[in-house]
């Protein structure tokens, strides 16, 4: 009976699109040009910072189109499942994951609020400031201006594209 699926257990197309978007957003956040000396550290925290930034940009774009409410929710769900998986891969035990996820949720939504406000206003200075506050090492703080410029450019580009195109990695290349 391999491959047999009951029709009422069909996956909603938004879930598959959300996974595809998460893969695309994760790829953009893992761009090697963003990591290394004088940039974000290639650590769990550094990767979280950049995934939070890119995830916030994706959420802003989806939120701008009310017709994408299902995809917005499905993407949010997939993003947090990804954070959960990252914790488990980092060796966080099952009993501690919920506590860590609460911290990650608070951290993500705090960043989202700051990034969203700055991106909406096109305020490079506020975005740089928010990014500087969230950098995990002093060395990477100098990277905030170019990262802010990248985020503003990316958000503007994605805002002008139809949703089908933002699912593509090409749309996220800077």
N, C-alpha and C. Protein backbone atom coordinates (compact mmCIF):
# COMPACT_ATOMS: atom_id res chain seq x y z
N UNK A 1 0.81 -1.19 0.00
CA UNK A 1 0.00 0.00 0.00
C UNK A 1 0.86 1.26 0.00
N UNK A 2 2.11 1.12 -0.37
CA UNK A 2 2.99 2.29 -0.43
C UNK A 2 2.42 3.31 -1.39
N UNK A 3 2.48 4.56 -0.98
CA UNK A 3 1.99 5.63 -1.84
C UNK A 3 0.51 5.92 -1.69
N UNK A 4 -0.22 5.10 -0.93
CA UNK A 4 -1.65 5.31 -0.75
C UNK A 4 -1.87 6.49 0.19
N UNK A 5 -2.71 7.44 -0.26
CA UNK A 5 -3.00 8.62 0.55
C UNK A 5 -4.50 8.81 0.60
N UNK A 6 -4.99 9.07 1.76
CA UNK A 6 -6.39 9.39 1.91
C UNK A 6 -6.62 10.83 1.46
N UNK A 7 -7.68 11.08 0.71
CA UNK A 7 -7.88 12.42 0.15
C UNK A 7 -8.04 13.52 1.19
N UNK A 8 -8.53 13.18 2.37
CA UNK A 8 -8.70 14.23 3.38
C UNK A 8 -7.42 14.53 4.14
N UNK A 9 -6.32 13.87 3.80
CA UNK A 9 -5.03 14.16 4.41
C UNK A 9 -4.09 14.86 3.43
N UNK A 10 -4.66 15.44 2.38
CA UNK A 10 -3.85 16.14 1.41
C UNK A 10 -3.20 17.35 2.06
N UNK A 11 -2.00 17.58 1.66
CA UNK A 11 -1.28 18.76 2.15
C UNK A 11 -1.76 19.99 1.39
N UNK A 12 -1.98 21.06 2.10
CA UNK A 12 -2.39 22.30 1.45
C UNK A 12 -1.20 22.81 0.63
N UNK A 13 -1.45 23.32 -0.58
CA UNK A 13 -0.35 23.82 -1.42
C UNK A 13 0.51 24.89 -0.72
N UNK A 14 -0.08 25.64 0.20
CA UNK A 14 0.69 26.67 0.91
C UNK A 14 1.82 26.06 1.73
N UNK A 15 1.62 24.85 2.24
CA UNK A 15 2.66 24.21 3.04
C UNK A 15 3.88 23.88 2.18
N UNK A 16 3.63 23.35 0.99
CA UNK A 16 4.75 23.04 0.09
C UNK A 16 5.45 24.33 -0.35
N UNK A 17 4.68 25.37 -0.63
CA UNK A 17 5.27 26.65 -1.00
C UNK A 17 6.08 27.23 0.16
N UNK A 18 5.58 27.06 1.37
CA UNK A 18 6.27 27.57 2.55
C UNK A 18 7.61 26.87 2.73
N UNK A 19 7.63 25.57 2.51
CA UNK A 19 8.91 24.83 2.61
C UNK A 19 9.89 25.31 1.55
N UNK A 20 9.36 25.54 0.35
CA UNK A 20 10.21 26.02 -0.74
C UNK A 20 10.75 27.42 -0.40
N UNK A 21 9.89 28.28 0.13
CA UNK A 21 10.33 29.63 0.51
C UNK A 21 11.35 29.57 1.64
N UNK A 22 11.13 28.70 2.61
CA UNK A 22 12.10 28.56 3.70
C UNK A 22 13.45 28.11 3.17
N UNK A 23 13.44 27.19 2.24
CA UNK A 23 14.69 26.72 1.63
C UNK A 23 15.40 27.89 0.93
N UNK A 24 14.63 28.69 0.22
CA UNK A 24 15.18 29.84 -0.48
C UNK A 24 15.72 30.88 0.50
N UNK A 25 14.94 31.20 1.53
CA UNK A 25 15.34 32.19 2.54
C UNK A 25 16.58 31.69 3.29
N UNK A 26 16.59 30.41 3.65
CA UNK A 26 17.75 29.84 4.35
C UNK A 26 18.99 29.92 3.48
N UNK A 27 18.83 29.64 2.20
CA UNK A 27 19.97 29.74 1.28
C UNK A 27 20.52 31.16 1.22
N UNK A 28 19.62 32.15 1.17
CA UNK A 28 20.05 33.55 1.15
C UNK A 28 20.76 33.91 2.46
N UNK A 29 20.24 33.42 3.58
CA UNK A 29 20.84 33.71 4.88
C UNK A 29 22.17 33.00 5.08
N UNK A 30 22.42 31.96 4.31
CA UNK A 30 23.69 31.21 4.43
C UNK A 30 24.69 31.60 3.35
N UNK A 31 24.44 32.70 2.65
CA UNK A 31 25.37 33.19 1.63
C UNK A 31 26.75 33.34 2.27
N UNK A 32 27.77 32.67 1.75
CA UNK A 32 29.11 32.74 2.34
C UNK A 32 29.66 34.16 2.47
N UNK A 33 29.19 35.08 1.63
CA UNK A 33 29.67 36.47 1.70
C UNK A 33 29.24 37.16 2.99
N UNK A 34 28.29 36.58 3.70
CA UNK A 34 27.79 37.18 4.94
C UNK A 34 28.57 36.75 6.18
N UNK A 35 29.44 35.77 6.03
CA UNK A 35 30.13 35.18 7.18
C UNK A 35 31.64 35.34 7.06
N UNK A 36 32.29 35.38 8.21
CA UNK A 36 33.74 35.41 8.25
C UNK A 36 34.25 36.62 8.99
N UNK A 37 35.53 36.87 8.85
CA UNK A 37 36.17 37.98 9.56
C UNK A 37 35.50 39.30 9.19
N UNK A 38 35.11 40.06 10.20
CA UNK A 38 34.47 41.34 9.98
C UNK A 38 33.02 41.25 9.55
N UNK A 39 32.47 40.06 9.56
CA UNK A 39 31.06 39.86 9.19
C UNK A 39 30.42 39.02 10.28
N UNK A 40 29.29 38.41 9.99
CA UNK A 40 28.61 37.59 11.00
C UNK A 40 29.42 36.33 11.29
N UNK A 41 29.44 35.91 12.55
CA UNK A 41 30.16 34.68 12.87
C UNK A 41 29.39 33.46 12.36
N UNK A 42 30.11 32.47 11.88
CA UNK A 42 29.47 31.25 11.39
C UNK A 42 29.25 30.31 12.58
N UNK A 43 28.32 30.72 13.42
CA UNK A 43 27.96 29.98 14.62
C UNK A 43 26.44 29.84 14.64
N UNK A 44 25.91 29.09 15.58
CA UNK A 44 24.45 28.97 15.71
C UNK A 44 23.83 30.35 15.86
N UNK A 45 24.41 31.18 16.71
CA UNK A 45 23.87 32.52 16.94
C UNK A 45 23.99 33.41 15.71
N UNK A 46 25.13 33.36 15.04
CA UNK A 46 25.31 34.16 13.83
C UNK A 46 24.34 33.75 12.73
N UNK A 47 24.17 32.45 12.56
CA UNK A 47 23.22 31.95 11.55
C UNK A 47 21.79 32.33 11.93
N UNK A 48 21.47 32.30 13.23
CA UNK A 48 20.14 32.72 13.67
C UNK A 48 19.91 34.18 13.31
N UNK A 49 20.91 35.03 13.57
CA UNK A 49 20.76 36.46 13.28
C UNK A 49 20.42 36.70 11.82
N UNK A 50 21.13 36.03 10.92
CA UNK A 50 20.90 36.25 9.50
C UNK A 50 19.62 35.58 9.01
N UNK A 51 19.27 34.45 9.58
CA UNK A 51 18.00 33.82 9.21
C UNK A 51 16.84 34.68 9.73
N UNK A 52 17.00 35.27 10.92
CA UNK A 52 15.96 36.16 11.45
C UNK A 52 15.77 37.37 10.53
N UNK A 53 16.85 37.95 10.06
CA UNK A 53 16.76 39.10 9.15
C UNK A 53 16.07 38.70 7.85
N UNK A 54 16.53 37.65 7.23
CA UNK A 54 15.95 37.22 5.95
C UNK A 54 14.51 36.72 6.13
N UNK A 55 14.27 36.04 7.24
CA UNK A 55 12.90 35.59 7.54
C UNK A 55 11.97 36.78 7.73
N UNK A 56 12.45 37.82 8.39
CA UNK A 56 11.64 39.03 8.59
C UNK A 56 11.31 39.69 7.25
N UNK A 57 12.27 39.70 6.34
CA UNK A 57 12.03 40.28 5.02
C UNK A 57 10.96 39.47 4.28
N UNK A 58 11.03 38.15 4.38
CA UNK A 58 10.02 37.29 3.73
C UNK A 58 8.65 37.51 4.36
N UNK A 59 8.59 37.57 5.68
CA UNK A 59 7.31 37.78 6.36
C UNK A 59 6.70 39.13 5.98
N UNK A 60 7.53 40.15 5.89
CA UNK A 60 7.03 41.48 5.48
C UNK A 60 6.41 41.39 4.09
N UNK A 61 7.09 40.70 3.19
CA UNK A 61 6.58 40.61 1.81
C UNK A 61 5.25 39.87 1.76
N UNK A 62 5.16 38.76 2.48
CA UNK A 62 3.93 37.98 2.49
C UNK A 62 2.79 38.75 3.17
N UNK A 63 3.10 39.43 4.23
CA UNK A 63 2.10 40.19 4.97
C UNK A 63 1.52 41.33 4.13
N UNK A 64 2.29 41.83 3.17
CA UNK A 64 1.84 42.92 2.32
C UNK A 64 0.74 42.50 1.35
N UNK A 65 0.56 41.21 1.18
CA UNK A 65 -0.45 40.69 0.24
C UNK A 65 -1.46 39.85 1.01
N UNK A 66 -2.62 40.41 1.32
CA UNK A 66 -3.62 39.68 2.12
C UNK A 66 -4.01 38.33 1.52
N UNK A 67 -3.87 38.17 0.22
CA UNK A 67 -4.20 36.90 -0.42
C UNK A 67 -3.21 35.80 -0.03
N UNK A 68 -2.11 36.18 0.61
CA UNK A 68 -1.08 35.21 0.98
C UNK A 68 -1.14 34.82 2.46
N UNK A 69 -2.29 35.00 3.09
CA UNK A 69 -2.42 34.72 4.52
C UNK A 69 -2.06 33.27 4.86
N UNK A 70 -2.50 32.32 4.04
CA UNK A 70 -2.15 30.91 4.32
C UNK A 70 -0.66 30.66 4.19
N UNK A 71 -0.07 31.22 3.14
CA UNK A 71 1.37 31.04 2.94
C UNK A 71 2.14 31.73 4.06
N UNK A 72 1.69 32.90 4.49
CA UNK A 72 2.32 33.61 5.61
C UNK A 72 2.35 32.74 6.86
N UNK A 73 1.21 32.14 7.19
CA UNK A 73 1.15 31.29 8.38
C UNK A 73 1.98 30.03 8.20
N UNK A 74 1.88 29.41 7.03
CA UNK A 74 2.65 28.18 6.78
C UNK A 74 4.15 28.46 6.81
N UNK A 75 4.58 29.61 6.27
CA UNK A 75 6.00 29.96 6.30
C UNK A 75 6.46 30.20 7.74
N UNK A 76 5.66 30.90 8.52
CA UNK A 76 5.99 31.14 9.93
C UNK A 76 6.14 29.81 10.67
N UNK A 77 5.22 28.89 10.43
CA UNK A 77 5.29 27.56 11.06
C UNK A 77 6.57 26.84 10.66
N UNK A 78 6.88 26.86 9.37
CA UNK A 78 8.08 26.18 8.88
C UNK A 78 9.35 26.82 9.43
N UNK A 79 9.36 28.14 9.53
CA UNK A 79 10.52 28.85 10.06
C UNK A 79 10.80 28.42 11.50
N UNK A 80 9.74 28.34 12.31
CA UNK A 80 9.94 27.96 13.71
C UNK A 80 10.23 26.47 13.85
N UNK A 81 9.72 25.64 12.96
CA UNK A 81 10.12 24.23 12.96
C UNK A 81 11.61 24.11 12.64
N UNK A 82 12.09 24.99 11.75
CA UNK A 82 13.51 25.01 11.42
C UNK A 82 14.35 25.41 12.62
N UNK A 83 13.89 26.40 13.38
CA UNK A 83 14.60 26.79 14.60
C UNK A 83 14.63 25.62 15.59
N UNK A 84 13.50 24.95 15.73
CA UNK A 84 13.41 23.79 16.62
C UNK A 84 14.40 22.71 16.18
N UNK A 85 14.43 22.41 14.89
CA UNK A 85 15.37 21.41 14.37
C UNK A 85 16.81 21.81 14.65
N UNK A 86 17.10 23.10 14.49
CA UNK A 86 18.46 23.59 14.75
C UNK A 86 18.88 23.39 16.20
N UNK A 87 17.96 23.61 17.10
CA UNK A 87 18.25 23.39 18.52
C UNK A 87 18.55 21.91 18.77
N UNK A 88 17.73 21.06 18.22
CA UNK A 88 17.92 19.62 18.42
C UNK A 88 19.25 19.15 17.82
N UNK A 89 19.58 19.68 16.63
CA UNK A 89 20.86 19.32 15.99
C UNK A 89 22.03 19.84 16.81
N UNK A 90 21.82 20.94 17.53
CA UNK A 90 22.88 21.50 18.37
C UNK A 90 23.03 20.74 19.68
N UNK A 91 22.17 19.75 19.89
CA UNK A 91 22.30 18.91 21.08
C UNK A 91 21.41 19.30 22.24
N UNK A 92 20.48 20.21 22.02
CA UNK A 92 19.54 20.58 23.09
C UNK A 92 18.58 19.42 23.29
N UNK A 93 18.45 18.98 24.51
CA UNK A 93 17.58 17.84 24.82
C UNK A 93 16.11 18.18 24.71
N UNK A 94 15.30 17.16 24.49
CA UNK A 94 13.86 17.32 24.32
C UNK A 94 13.22 18.12 25.45
N UNK A 95 13.68 17.91 26.67
CA UNK A 95 13.08 18.59 27.81
C UNK A 95 13.39 20.08 27.85
N UNK A 96 14.46 20.50 27.20
CA UNK A 96 14.86 21.91 27.20
C UNK A 96 14.44 22.67 25.95
N UNK A 97 14.00 21.96 24.93
CA UNK A 97 13.69 22.61 23.66
C UNK A 97 12.61 23.68 23.83
N UNK A 98 11.55 23.39 24.56
CA UNK A 98 10.46 24.36 24.73
C UNK A 98 10.95 25.66 25.35
N UNK A 99 11.80 25.54 26.37
CA UNK A 99 12.35 26.74 27.03
C UNK A 99 13.19 27.54 26.03
N UNK A 100 14.01 26.86 25.26
CA UNK A 100 14.84 27.54 24.27
C UNK A 100 13.99 28.14 23.16
N UNK A 101 12.95 27.44 22.74
CA UNK A 101 12.08 27.96 21.67
C UNK A 101 11.37 29.23 22.14
N UNK A 102 11.01 29.29 23.39
CA UNK A 102 10.37 30.50 23.93
C UNK A 102 11.34 31.68 23.80
N UNK A 103 12.61 31.45 24.13
CA UNK A 103 13.62 32.50 24.01
C UNK A 103 13.83 32.89 22.55
N UNK A 104 13.87 31.88 21.68
CA UNK A 104 14.07 32.15 20.25
C UNK A 104 12.88 32.92 19.69
N UNK A 105 11.67 32.54 20.09
CA UNK A 105 10.48 33.26 19.63
C UNK A 105 10.51 34.72 20.05
N UNK A 106 10.86 34.96 21.30
CA UNK A 106 10.94 36.33 21.81
C UNK A 106 12.03 37.10 21.05
N UNK A 107 13.17 36.46 20.85
CA UNK A 107 14.27 37.12 20.13
C UNK A 107 13.88 37.41 18.68
N UNK A 108 13.25 36.44 18.03
CA UNK A 108 12.87 36.63 16.63
C UNK A 108 11.87 37.77 16.50
N UNK A 109 10.82 37.75 17.30
CA UNK A 109 9.79 38.78 17.15
C UNK A 109 10.28 40.16 17.58
N UNK A 110 11.23 40.21 18.50
CA UNK A 110 11.86 41.49 18.83
C UNK A 110 12.62 42.04 17.64
N UNK A 111 13.39 41.17 17.00
CA UNK A 111 14.13 41.57 15.81
C UNK A 111 13.17 41.94 14.68
N UNK A 112 12.15 41.11 14.50
CA UNK A 112 11.19 41.38 13.44
C UNK A 112 10.58 42.77 13.60
N UNK A 113 10.19 43.12 14.81
CA UNK A 113 9.60 44.44 15.04
C UNK A 113 10.55 45.56 14.66
N UNK A 114 11.80 45.45 15.09
CA UNK A 114 12.79 46.49 14.79
C UNK A 114 13.09 46.55 13.30
N UNK A 115 13.28 45.39 12.68
CA UNK A 115 13.60 45.35 11.25
C UNK A 115 12.41 45.83 10.42
N UNK A 116 11.22 45.39 10.79
CA UNK A 116 10.01 45.75 10.04
C UNK A 116 9.82 47.26 10.05
N UNK A 117 9.96 47.87 11.20
CA UNK A 117 9.78 49.32 11.31
C UNK A 117 10.81 50.06 10.45
N UNK A 118 12.05 49.65 10.53
CA UNK A 118 13.11 50.32 9.77
C UNK A 118 12.94 50.08 8.27
N UNK A 119 12.60 48.86 7.88
CA UNK A 119 12.42 48.55 6.46
C UNK A 119 11.21 49.30 5.89
N UNK A 120 10.14 49.38 6.66
CA UNK A 120 8.93 50.08 6.20
C UNK A 120 9.22 51.56 5.95
N UNK A 121 10.06 52.14 6.79
CA UNK A 121 10.40 53.56 6.66
C UNK A 121 11.56 53.79 5.70
N UNK A 122 12.21 52.69 5.27
CA UNK A 122 13.41 52.84 4.44
C UNK A 122 14.52 53.52 5.21
N UNK A 123 14.53 53.32 6.52
CA UNK A 123 15.45 54.01 7.43
C UNK A 123 16.72 53.17 7.63
N UNK A 124 17.72 53.49 6.85
CA UNK A 124 18.98 52.74 6.89
C UNK A 124 19.66 52.87 8.25
N UNK A 125 19.63 54.05 8.85
CA UNK A 125 20.29 54.29 10.14
C UNK A 125 19.65 53.43 11.23
N UNK A 126 18.32 53.41 11.29
CA UNK A 126 17.64 52.59 12.29
C UNK A 126 17.90 51.10 12.07
N UNK A 127 17.93 50.70 10.81
CA UNK A 127 18.20 49.29 10.50
C UNK A 127 19.63 48.93 10.90
N UNK A 128 20.59 49.79 10.60
CA UNK A 128 21.97 49.56 11.03
C UNK A 128 22.06 49.43 12.54
N UNK A 129 21.37 50.31 13.24
CA UNK A 129 21.37 50.28 14.70
C UNK A 129 20.79 48.96 15.22
N UNK A 130 19.67 48.55 14.66
CA UNK A 130 19.05 47.29 15.08
C UNK A 130 19.97 46.11 14.78
N UNK A 131 20.58 46.11 13.63
CA UNK A 131 21.50 45.02 13.27
C UNK A 131 22.72 45.03 14.19
N UNK A 132 23.25 46.20 14.50
CA UNK A 132 24.40 46.30 15.40
C UNK A 132 24.08 45.74 16.78
N UNK A 133 22.88 46.03 17.28
CA UNK A 133 22.48 45.53 18.61
C UNK A 133 22.42 44.00 18.62
N UNK A 134 22.11 43.42 17.46
CA UNK A 134 21.89 41.98 17.42
C UNK A 134 23.12 41.18 16.99
N UNK A 135 24.21 41.86 16.72
CA UNK A 135 25.44 41.17 16.33
C UNK A 135 26.05 40.53 17.56
N UNK A 136 26.55 39.33 17.38
CA UNK A 136 27.05 38.56 18.53
C UNK A 136 28.53 38.76 18.82
N UNK A 137 29.25 39.46 17.96
CA UNK A 137 30.64 39.76 18.29
C UNK A 137 30.96 41.18 17.85
N UNK A 138 31.85 41.83 18.57
CA UNK A 138 32.18 43.23 18.31
C UNK A 138 32.70 43.43 16.89
N UNK A 139 33.47 42.50 16.41
CA UNK A 139 34.09 42.59 15.09
C UNK A 139 33.04 42.74 13.99
N UNK A 140 31.91 42.06 14.14
CA UNK A 140 30.89 42.06 13.10
C UNK A 140 30.03 43.33 13.10
N UNK A 141 30.10 44.16 14.14
CA UNK A 141 29.29 45.37 14.19
C UNK A 141 29.59 46.29 13.01
N UNK A 142 30.82 46.30 12.54
CA UNK A 142 31.19 47.13 11.40
C UNK A 142 30.51 46.65 10.11
N UNK A 143 29.98 45.45 10.12
CA UNK A 143 29.31 44.87 8.96
C UNK A 143 27.86 45.36 8.85
N UNK A 144 27.34 45.96 9.91
CA UNK A 144 25.93 46.38 9.95
C UNK A 144 25.55 47.32 8.80
N UNK A 145 26.37 48.32 8.44
CA UNK A 145 25.96 49.21 7.34
C UNK A 145 25.75 48.48 6.01
N UNK A 146 26.67 47.60 5.64
CA UNK A 146 26.49 46.91 4.36
C UNK A 146 25.36 45.88 4.45
N UNK A 147 25.17 45.29 5.61
CA UNK A 147 24.06 44.34 5.78
C UNK A 147 22.72 45.09 5.72
N UNK A 148 22.66 46.28 6.30
CA UNK A 148 21.45 47.10 6.24
C UNK A 148 21.14 47.47 4.79
N UNK A 149 22.16 47.87 4.05
CA UNK A 149 21.95 48.22 2.64
C UNK A 149 21.44 47.01 1.86
N UNK A 150 22.02 45.87 2.11
CA UNK A 150 21.58 44.63 1.44
C UNK A 150 20.12 44.34 1.78
N UNK A 151 19.75 44.47 3.05
CA UNK A 151 18.38 44.17 3.48
C UNK A 151 17.38 45.14 2.84
N UNK A 152 17.71 46.42 2.80
CA UNK A 152 16.83 47.40 2.18
C UNK A 152 16.65 47.14 0.69
N UNK A 153 17.73 46.82 0.02
CA UNK A 153 17.68 46.51 -1.41
C UNK A 153 16.84 45.27 -1.66
N UNK A 154 17.08 44.25 -0.86
CA UNK A 154 16.36 42.99 -1.01
C UNK A 154 14.86 43.18 -0.74
N UNK A 155 14.53 43.89 0.33
CA UNK A 155 13.12 44.11 0.66
C UNK A 155 12.41 44.89 -0.45
N UNK A 156 13.08 45.89 -1.00
CA UNK A 156 12.49 46.67 -2.09
C UNK A 156 12.27 45.80 -3.33
N UNK A 157 13.27 44.99 -3.66
CA UNK A 157 13.14 44.12 -4.84
C UNK A 157 12.01 43.13 -4.65
N UNK A 158 11.97 42.47 -3.50
CA UNK A 158 10.94 41.46 -3.27
C UNK A 158 9.55 42.08 -3.23
N UNK A 159 9.46 43.31 -2.75
CA UNK A 159 8.17 44.00 -2.70
C UNK A 159 7.58 44.26 -4.08
N UNK A 160 8.44 44.29 -5.09
CA UNK A 160 7.97 44.56 -6.44
C UNK A 160 7.70 43.28 -7.24
N UNK A 161 8.00 42.13 -6.65
CA UNK A 161 7.83 40.87 -7.38
C UNK A 161 6.56 40.14 -6.96
N UNK A 162 5.97 39.40 -7.88
CA UNK A 162 4.85 38.54 -7.49
C UNK A 162 5.35 37.43 -6.57
N UNK A 163 4.48 36.92 -5.74
CA UNK A 163 4.87 35.91 -4.76
C UNK A 163 5.54 34.70 -5.42
N UNK A 164 5.06 34.28 -6.56
CA UNK A 164 5.65 33.10 -7.23
C UNK A 164 7.14 33.31 -7.47
N UNK A 165 7.55 34.54 -7.73
CA UNK A 165 8.96 34.81 -7.99
C UNK A 165 9.80 34.87 -6.72
N UNK A 166 9.20 35.24 -5.59
CA UNK A 166 10.03 35.31 -4.37
C UNK A 166 10.35 33.92 -3.85
N UNK A 167 9.70 32.89 -4.39
CA UNK A 167 10.02 31.52 -4.01
C UNK A 167 11.32 31.06 -4.65
N UNK A 168 11.79 31.79 -5.62
CA UNK A 168 12.98 31.43 -6.37
C UNK A 168 14.25 32.01 -5.75
N UNK A 169 15.30 31.21 -5.64
CA UNK A 169 16.56 31.72 -5.09
C UNK A 169 17.12 32.92 -5.85
N UNK A 170 16.85 33.01 -7.14
CA UNK A 170 17.36 34.13 -7.94
C UNK A 170 16.85 35.47 -7.41
N UNK A 171 15.63 35.51 -6.91
CA UNK A 171 15.06 36.75 -6.38
C UNK A 171 15.80 37.23 -5.14
N UNK A 172 16.48 36.34 -4.45
CA UNK A 172 17.15 36.67 -3.18
C UNK A 172 18.63 36.93 -3.34
N UNK A 173 19.15 36.84 -4.54
CA UNK A 173 20.58 37.07 -4.75
C UNK A 173 20.90 38.56 -4.73
N UNK A 174 21.93 38.90 -3.99
CA UNK A 174 22.37 40.31 -3.92
C UNK A 174 23.73 40.47 -4.55
